[in-house]
N, C-alpha and C. Protein backbone atom coordinates (compact mmCIF):
# COMPACT_ATOMS: atom_id res chain seq x y z
N UNK A 1 -29.47 34.02 32.45
CA UNK A 1 -28.16 33.55 32.00
C UNK A 1 -27.99 32.06 32.26
N UNK A 2 -29.07 31.38 32.58
CA UNK A 2 -29.07 29.94 32.87
C UNK A 2 -28.05 29.55 33.91
N UNK A 3 -28.05 30.26 35.04
CA UNK A 3 -27.20 29.94 36.19
C UNK A 3 -27.98 30.27 37.45
N UNK A 4 -27.64 29.64 38.54
CA UNK A 4 -28.26 29.91 39.83
C UNK A 4 -27.41 30.97 40.53
N UNK A 5 -28.01 32.13 40.81
CA UNK A 5 -27.25 33.19 41.48
C UNK A 5 -27.79 33.51 42.87
N UNK A 6 -28.95 32.96 43.22
CA UNK A 6 -29.54 33.20 44.54
C UNK A 6 -30.09 31.90 45.08
N UNK A 7 -29.83 31.64 46.36
CA UNK A 7 -30.36 30.46 47.04
C UNK A 7 -31.09 30.92 48.29
N UNK A 8 -32.30 30.39 48.50
CA UNK A 8 -33.05 30.68 49.72
C UNK A 8 -33.11 29.41 50.56
N UNK A 9 -32.69 29.54 51.83
CA UNK A 9 -32.71 28.44 52.77
C UNK A 9 -33.73 28.76 53.87
N UNK A 10 -34.59 27.81 54.22
CA UNK A 10 -35.50 27.99 55.35
C UNK A 10 -34.89 27.27 56.53
N UNK A 11 -34.65 28.01 57.62
CA UNK A 11 -34.04 27.40 58.82
C UNK A 11 -35.05 27.40 59.95
N UNK A 12 -34.92 26.40 60.83
CA UNK A 12 -35.78 26.23 61.98
C UNK A 12 -35.05 25.42 63.03
N UNK A 13 -35.58 25.45 64.26
CA UNK A 13 -35.01 24.66 65.34
C UNK A 13 -35.37 23.19 65.18
N UNK A 14 -34.47 22.33 65.57
CA UNK A 14 -34.79 20.91 65.64
C UNK A 14 -35.60 20.67 66.93
N UNK A 15 -36.44 19.66 66.96
CA UNK A 15 -37.20 19.38 68.18
C UNK A 15 -36.25 19.18 69.38
N UNK A 16 -36.56 19.87 70.46
CA UNK A 16 -35.77 19.74 71.69
C UNK A 16 -34.52 20.62 71.73
N UNK A 17 -34.22 21.32 70.66
CA UNK A 17 -33.02 22.17 70.62
C UNK A 17 -33.22 23.40 71.48
N UNK A 18 -32.13 23.92 72.03
CA UNK A 18 -32.22 25.16 72.78
C UNK A 18 -32.33 26.32 71.79
N UNK A 19 -32.54 27.53 72.32
CA UNK A 19 -32.66 28.72 71.46
C UNK A 19 -31.42 28.85 70.57
N UNK A 20 -31.63 29.31 69.35
CA UNK A 20 -30.53 29.47 68.41
C UNK A 20 -30.42 30.94 68.01
N UNK A 21 -29.26 31.51 68.25
CA UNK A 21 -28.97 32.88 67.81
C UNK A 21 -28.37 32.78 66.42
N UNK A 22 -29.20 32.96 65.40
CA UNK A 22 -28.75 32.84 64.02
C UNK A 22 -27.68 33.86 63.70
N UNK A 23 -27.77 35.04 64.34
CA UNK A 23 -26.79 36.10 64.10
C UNK A 23 -25.39 35.71 64.56
N UNK A 24 -25.28 34.71 65.46
CA UNK A 24 -23.98 34.26 65.93
C UNK A 24 -23.44 33.06 65.16
N UNK A 25 -24.21 32.58 64.21
CA UNK A 25 -23.79 31.42 63.43
C UNK A 25 -22.82 31.83 62.31
N UNK A 26 -22.11 30.86 61.80
CA UNK A 26 -21.26 31.07 60.63
C UNK A 26 -21.74 30.18 59.50
N UNK A 27 -21.46 30.60 58.29
CA UNK A 27 -21.87 29.85 57.12
C UNK A 27 -20.64 29.59 56.26
N UNK A 28 -20.51 28.37 55.81
CA UNK A 28 -19.41 27.98 54.93
C UNK A 28 -20.03 27.51 53.62
N UNK A 29 -19.55 28.08 52.52
CA UNK A 29 -20.02 27.72 51.17
C UNK A 29 -18.87 27.03 50.45
N UNK A 30 -19.09 25.79 50.02
CA UNK A 30 -18.10 25.06 49.25
C UNK A 30 -18.69 24.82 47.87
N UNK A 31 -18.18 25.57 46.90
CA UNK A 31 -18.70 25.47 45.53
C UNK A 31 -17.62 25.03 44.58
N UNK A 32 -17.94 24.99 43.30
CA UNK A 32 -16.99 24.54 42.28
C UNK A 32 -15.71 25.39 42.23
N UNK A 33 -15.81 26.66 42.65
CA UNK A 33 -14.65 27.55 42.58
C UNK A 33 -13.92 27.73 43.89
N UNK A 34 -14.29 26.95 44.94
CA UNK A 34 -13.58 27.04 46.20
C UNK A 34 -14.50 27.19 47.39
N UNK A 35 -13.91 27.59 48.52
CA UNK A 35 -14.60 27.67 49.79
C UNK A 35 -14.59 29.10 50.29
N UNK A 36 -15.69 29.50 50.91
CA UNK A 36 -15.79 30.83 51.50
C UNK A 36 -16.54 30.70 52.80
N UNK A 37 -16.15 31.48 53.83
CA UNK A 37 -16.83 31.48 55.12
C UNK A 37 -17.28 32.89 55.44
N UNK A 38 -18.49 33.00 56.00
CA UNK A 38 -18.99 34.29 56.41
C UNK A 38 -19.67 34.17 57.77
N UNK A 39 -19.70 35.28 58.50
CA UNK A 39 -20.48 35.34 59.74
C UNK A 39 -21.91 35.69 59.34
N UNK A 40 -22.88 35.04 59.95
CA UNK A 40 -24.27 35.32 59.64
C UNK A 40 -24.68 36.75 60.09
N UNK A 41 -23.85 37.38 60.90
CA UNK A 41 -24.13 38.75 61.31
C UNK A 41 -23.64 39.77 60.28
N UNK A 42 -22.86 39.32 59.30
CA UNK A 42 -22.32 40.21 58.26
C UNK A 42 -23.43 40.62 57.30
N UNK A 43 -23.78 41.89 57.25
CA UNK A 43 -24.87 42.34 56.40
C UNK A 43 -24.39 42.82 55.03
N UNK A 44 -23.18 42.44 54.66
CA UNK A 44 -22.69 42.77 53.32
C UNK A 44 -22.38 41.45 52.62
N UNK A 45 -21.90 41.52 51.42
CA UNK A 45 -21.51 40.32 50.70
C UNK A 45 -22.69 39.42 50.40
N UNK A 46 -22.54 38.10 50.61
CA UNK A 46 -23.55 37.12 50.20
C UNK A 46 -24.93 37.31 50.85
N UNK A 47 -24.98 37.93 52.06
CA UNK A 47 -26.26 38.14 52.72
C UNK A 47 -26.92 39.44 52.31
N UNK A 48 -26.23 40.26 51.56
CA UNK A 48 -26.80 41.50 51.04
C UNK A 48 -26.93 42.58 52.10
N UNK A 49 -27.38 43.73 51.66
CA UNK A 49 -27.43 44.89 52.56
C UNK A 49 -28.50 44.78 53.63
N UNK A 50 -29.53 43.94 53.42
CA UNK A 50 -30.58 43.81 54.43
C UNK A 50 -30.34 42.61 55.35
N UNK A 51 -29.17 41.98 55.25
CA UNK A 51 -28.89 40.83 56.08
C UNK A 51 -29.38 39.53 55.49
N UNK A 52 -30.19 39.58 54.45
CA UNK A 52 -30.65 38.36 53.80
C UNK A 52 -31.62 37.54 54.61
N UNK A 53 -32.21 38.10 55.69
CA UNK A 53 -33.11 37.36 56.55
C UNK A 53 -34.54 37.81 56.38
N UNK A 54 -35.48 36.87 56.40
CA UNK A 54 -36.90 37.18 56.33
C UNK A 54 -37.65 36.18 57.19
N UNK A 55 -38.22 36.65 58.29
CA UNK A 55 -39.00 35.78 59.18
C UNK A 55 -40.34 35.47 58.52
N UNK A 56 -40.61 34.19 58.28
CA UNK A 56 -41.87 33.82 57.66
C UNK A 56 -42.85 33.28 58.70
N UNK A 57 -42.34 32.85 59.84
CA UNK A 57 -43.19 32.45 60.96
C UNK A 57 -42.42 32.71 62.23
N UNK A 58 -42.98 33.48 63.13
CA UNK A 58 -42.29 33.90 64.34
C UNK A 58 -43.26 33.89 65.52
N UNK A 59 -43.30 32.79 66.23
CA UNK A 59 -44.28 32.59 67.29
C UNK A 59 -44.14 33.57 68.45
N UNK A 60 -42.92 33.93 68.83
CA UNK A 60 -42.71 34.78 70.00
C UNK A 60 -42.04 36.11 69.61
N UNK A 61 -42.21 36.53 68.38
CA UNK A 61 -41.64 37.77 67.83
C UNK A 61 -40.18 37.99 68.25
N UNK A 62 -39.38 36.98 68.02
CA UNK A 62 -37.97 37.02 68.41
C UNK A 62 -37.03 37.15 67.22
N UNK A 63 -37.54 36.96 66.02
CA UNK A 63 -36.63 36.95 64.87
C UNK A 63 -36.93 38.07 63.89
N UNK A 64 -37.61 39.11 64.35
CA UNK A 64 -37.95 40.21 63.46
C UNK A 64 -36.80 41.12 63.12
N UNK A 65 -35.78 41.18 63.99
CA UNK A 65 -34.62 42.02 63.73
C UNK A 65 -33.42 41.45 64.48
N UNK A 66 -32.26 41.97 64.17
CA UNK A 66 -31.02 41.45 64.76
C UNK A 66 -30.99 41.72 66.26
N UNK A 67 -30.53 40.79 67.12
CA UNK A 67 -30.10 39.45 66.74
C UNK A 67 -31.30 38.55 66.44
N UNK A 68 -31.13 37.69 65.47
CA UNK A 68 -32.20 36.80 65.04
C UNK A 68 -32.15 35.53 65.91
N UNK A 69 -33.17 35.36 66.75
CA UNK A 69 -33.21 34.24 67.69
C UNK A 69 -34.37 33.31 67.31
N UNK A 70 -34.06 32.03 67.09
CA UNK A 70 -35.09 31.03 66.91
C UNK A 70 -35.35 30.44 68.29
N UNK A 71 -36.52 30.70 68.88
CA UNK A 71 -36.80 30.23 70.24
C UNK A 71 -38.07 29.42 70.33
N UNK A 72 -38.61 29.02 69.20
CA UNK A 72 -39.81 28.20 69.16
C UNK A 72 -39.68 27.24 67.99
N UNK A 73 -40.14 26.00 68.17
CA UNK A 73 -40.02 25.01 67.09
C UNK A 73 -40.83 25.42 65.85
N UNK A 74 -41.79 26.31 66.02
CA UNK A 74 -42.60 26.75 64.87
C UNK A 74 -41.95 27.90 64.11
N UNK A 75 -40.90 28.53 64.67
CA UNK A 75 -40.24 29.63 63.99
C UNK A 75 -39.61 29.18 62.68
N UNK A 76 -39.74 30.01 61.65
CA UNK A 76 -39.13 29.75 60.34
C UNK A 76 -38.47 31.04 59.89
N UNK A 77 -37.23 30.93 59.45
CA UNK A 77 -36.48 32.07 58.96
C UNK A 77 -35.90 31.72 57.60
N UNK A 78 -36.16 32.57 56.60
CA UNK A 78 -35.60 32.36 55.26
C UNK A 78 -34.32 33.17 55.18
N UNK A 79 -33.23 32.50 54.80
CA UNK A 79 -31.94 33.14 54.61
C UNK A 79 -31.67 33.15 53.10
N UNK A 80 -31.49 34.35 52.55
CA UNK A 80 -31.24 34.49 51.12
C UNK A 80 -29.76 34.76 50.89
N UNK A 81 -29.14 33.92 50.06
CA UNK A 81 -27.71 34.04 49.76
C UNK A 81 -27.52 34.47 48.30
N UNK A 82 -26.73 35.50 48.10
CA UNK A 82 -26.35 35.94 46.76
C UNK A 82 -25.06 35.20 46.40
N UNK A 83 -25.19 34.13 45.62
CA UNK A 83 -24.03 33.28 45.31
C UNK A 83 -22.97 34.00 44.52
N UNK A 84 -23.34 35.04 43.79
CA UNK A 84 -22.33 35.76 43.00
C UNK A 84 -21.31 36.47 43.89
N UNK A 85 -21.61 36.61 45.18
CA UNK A 85 -20.69 37.26 46.13
C UNK A 85 -19.66 36.28 46.70
N UNK A 86 -19.80 34.99 46.44
CA UNK A 86 -18.85 34.00 46.92
C UNK A 86 -17.73 33.81 45.90
N UNK A 87 -16.50 33.98 46.32
CA UNK A 87 -15.36 33.72 45.45
C UNK A 87 -15.39 34.53 44.17
N UNK A 88 -14.68 34.01 43.16
CA UNK A 88 -14.59 34.73 41.89
C UNK A 88 -15.89 34.64 41.09
N UNK A 89 -16.59 33.53 41.22
CA UNK A 89 -17.88 33.38 40.55
C UNK A 89 -18.65 32.29 41.27
N UNK A 90 -19.46 32.68 42.22
CA UNK A 90 -20.20 31.71 43.01
C UNK A 90 -21.42 31.16 42.32
N UNK A 91 -21.85 31.80 41.19
CA UNK A 91 -23.02 31.29 40.48
C UNK A 91 -22.83 29.83 40.13
N UNK A 92 -23.92 29.06 40.24
CA UNK A 92 -23.88 27.64 39.92
C UNK A 92 -24.48 27.40 38.54
N UNK A 93 -23.75 26.68 37.73
CA UNK A 93 -24.16 26.36 36.37
C UNK A 93 -24.94 25.04 36.37
N UNK A 94 -25.69 24.75 35.31
CA UNK A 94 -26.43 23.49 35.24
C UNK A 94 -25.49 22.30 35.51
N UNK A 95 -25.97 21.38 36.37
CA UNK A 95 -25.22 20.18 36.69
C UNK A 95 -24.20 20.35 37.82
N UNK A 96 -23.92 21.57 38.27
CA UNK A 96 -22.93 21.79 39.33
C UNK A 96 -23.54 21.55 40.71
N UNK A 97 -22.64 21.30 41.68
CA UNK A 97 -23.04 21.04 43.05
C UNK A 97 -22.32 21.98 44.00
N UNK A 98 -22.91 22.20 45.16
CA UNK A 98 -22.26 22.98 46.22
C UNK A 98 -22.75 22.45 47.56
N UNK A 99 -21.99 22.76 48.59
CA UNK A 99 -22.35 22.38 49.96
C UNK A 99 -22.36 23.64 50.80
N UNK A 100 -23.38 23.77 51.64
CA UNK A 100 -23.48 24.87 52.57
C UNK A 100 -23.52 24.28 53.97
N UNK A 101 -22.62 24.76 54.82
CA UNK A 101 -22.60 24.31 56.22
C UNK A 101 -22.91 25.51 57.11
N UNK A 102 -23.89 25.35 57.99
CA UNK A 102 -24.22 26.39 58.96
C UNK A 102 -23.81 25.88 60.33
N UNK A 103 -22.91 26.63 60.98
CA UNK A 103 -22.39 26.25 62.29
C UNK A 103 -22.97 27.18 63.35
N UNK A 104 -23.71 26.60 64.31
CA UNK A 104 -24.34 27.44 65.35
C UNK A 104 -23.34 27.77 66.44
N UNK A 105 -23.72 28.70 67.33
CA UNK A 105 -22.88 29.11 68.42
C UNK A 105 -22.57 27.97 69.38
N UNK A 106 -23.47 26.97 69.44
CA UNK A 106 -23.26 25.85 70.34
C UNK A 106 -22.34 24.78 69.74
N UNK A 107 -21.98 24.95 68.48
CA UNK A 107 -21.06 24.01 67.83
C UNK A 107 -21.74 22.99 66.93
N UNK A 108 -23.06 23.00 66.87
CA UNK A 108 -23.73 22.04 65.98
C UNK A 108 -23.64 22.54 64.53
N UNK A 109 -23.64 21.61 63.61
CA UNK A 109 -23.49 21.92 62.19
C UNK A 109 -24.62 21.31 61.39
N UNK A 110 -25.22 22.10 60.51
CA UNK A 110 -26.20 21.60 59.56
C UNK A 110 -25.55 21.66 58.18
N UNK A 111 -25.68 20.58 57.43
CA UNK A 111 -25.06 20.50 56.11
C UNK A 111 -26.16 20.42 55.06
N UNK A 112 -26.09 21.32 54.07
CA UNK A 112 -27.05 21.34 52.98
C UNK A 112 -26.28 21.13 51.69
N UNK A 113 -26.65 20.10 50.96
CA UNK A 113 -26.02 19.84 49.67
C UNK A 113 -27.02 20.25 48.58
N UNK A 114 -26.53 21.06 47.65
CA UNK A 114 -27.41 21.48 46.58
C UNK A 114 -26.83 21.06 45.23
N UNK A 115 -27.72 20.65 44.34
CA UNK A 115 -27.31 20.24 43.01
C UNK A 115 -28.25 20.91 42.02
N UNK A 116 -27.67 21.57 41.05
CA UNK A 116 -28.44 22.27 40.02
C UNK A 116 -28.87 21.25 38.97
N UNK A 117 -30.13 21.31 38.54
CA UNK A 117 -30.58 20.42 37.46
C UNK A 117 -29.70 20.58 36.21
N UNK A 118 -29.71 19.56 35.36
CA UNK A 118 -28.89 19.57 34.15
C UNK A 118 -29.34 20.66 33.17
N UNK A 119 -30.61 21.08 33.26
CA UNK A 119 -31.08 22.12 32.36
C UNK A 119 -31.88 23.15 33.15
N UNK A 120 -31.61 24.43 32.86
CA UNK A 120 -32.36 25.52 33.48
C UNK A 120 -33.15 26.30 32.42
N UNK A 121 -33.23 25.78 31.25
CA UNK A 121 -33.83 26.47 30.13
C UNK A 121 -35.27 26.88 30.44
N UNK A 122 -35.51 28.20 30.35
CA UNK A 122 -36.83 28.73 30.53
C UNK A 122 -37.32 28.81 31.98
N UNK A 123 -36.49 28.47 32.94
CA UNK A 123 -36.90 28.47 34.36
C UNK A 123 -36.47 29.76 35.04
N UNK A 124 -37.35 30.31 35.89
CA UNK A 124 -36.96 31.47 36.68
C UNK A 124 -36.63 31.06 38.12
N UNK A 125 -37.07 29.86 38.53
CA UNK A 125 -36.76 29.31 39.86
C UNK A 125 -36.79 27.79 39.77
N UNK A 126 -35.91 27.14 40.54
CA UNK A 126 -35.88 25.67 40.59
C UNK A 126 -35.63 25.22 42.00
N UNK A 127 -36.09 24.01 42.34
CA UNK A 127 -35.79 23.39 43.62
C UNK A 127 -34.41 22.76 43.51
N UNK A 128 -33.56 22.98 44.51
CA UNK A 128 -32.21 22.42 44.50
C UNK A 128 -32.13 21.28 45.51
């Protein structure tokens, strides 16, 4: 339908950061149709029934299941968001922008700005 309906984010610890309990974080999505906030522990809605988490690298086997803890700088966790679950229509159309803020339990915030290319014709996946 030439719209972005799913976004995958790869999260990791910053060098020198303490352990991060991803399950205790919150996510804020600011899109063209408004703002929505969810708890990363919520396994319904935008994170889907499986929690939307997939450990792709887990040095100390800490992020295989809830609570998801990043405790090594080499840990990588993919968070999959179903944008259609945000607001009335979270899907992003060509040329639209959105901002995703992830707030950790310690109060730090990571901001991700995404912009959809002007054309999605014939594409099944694009880098945002």
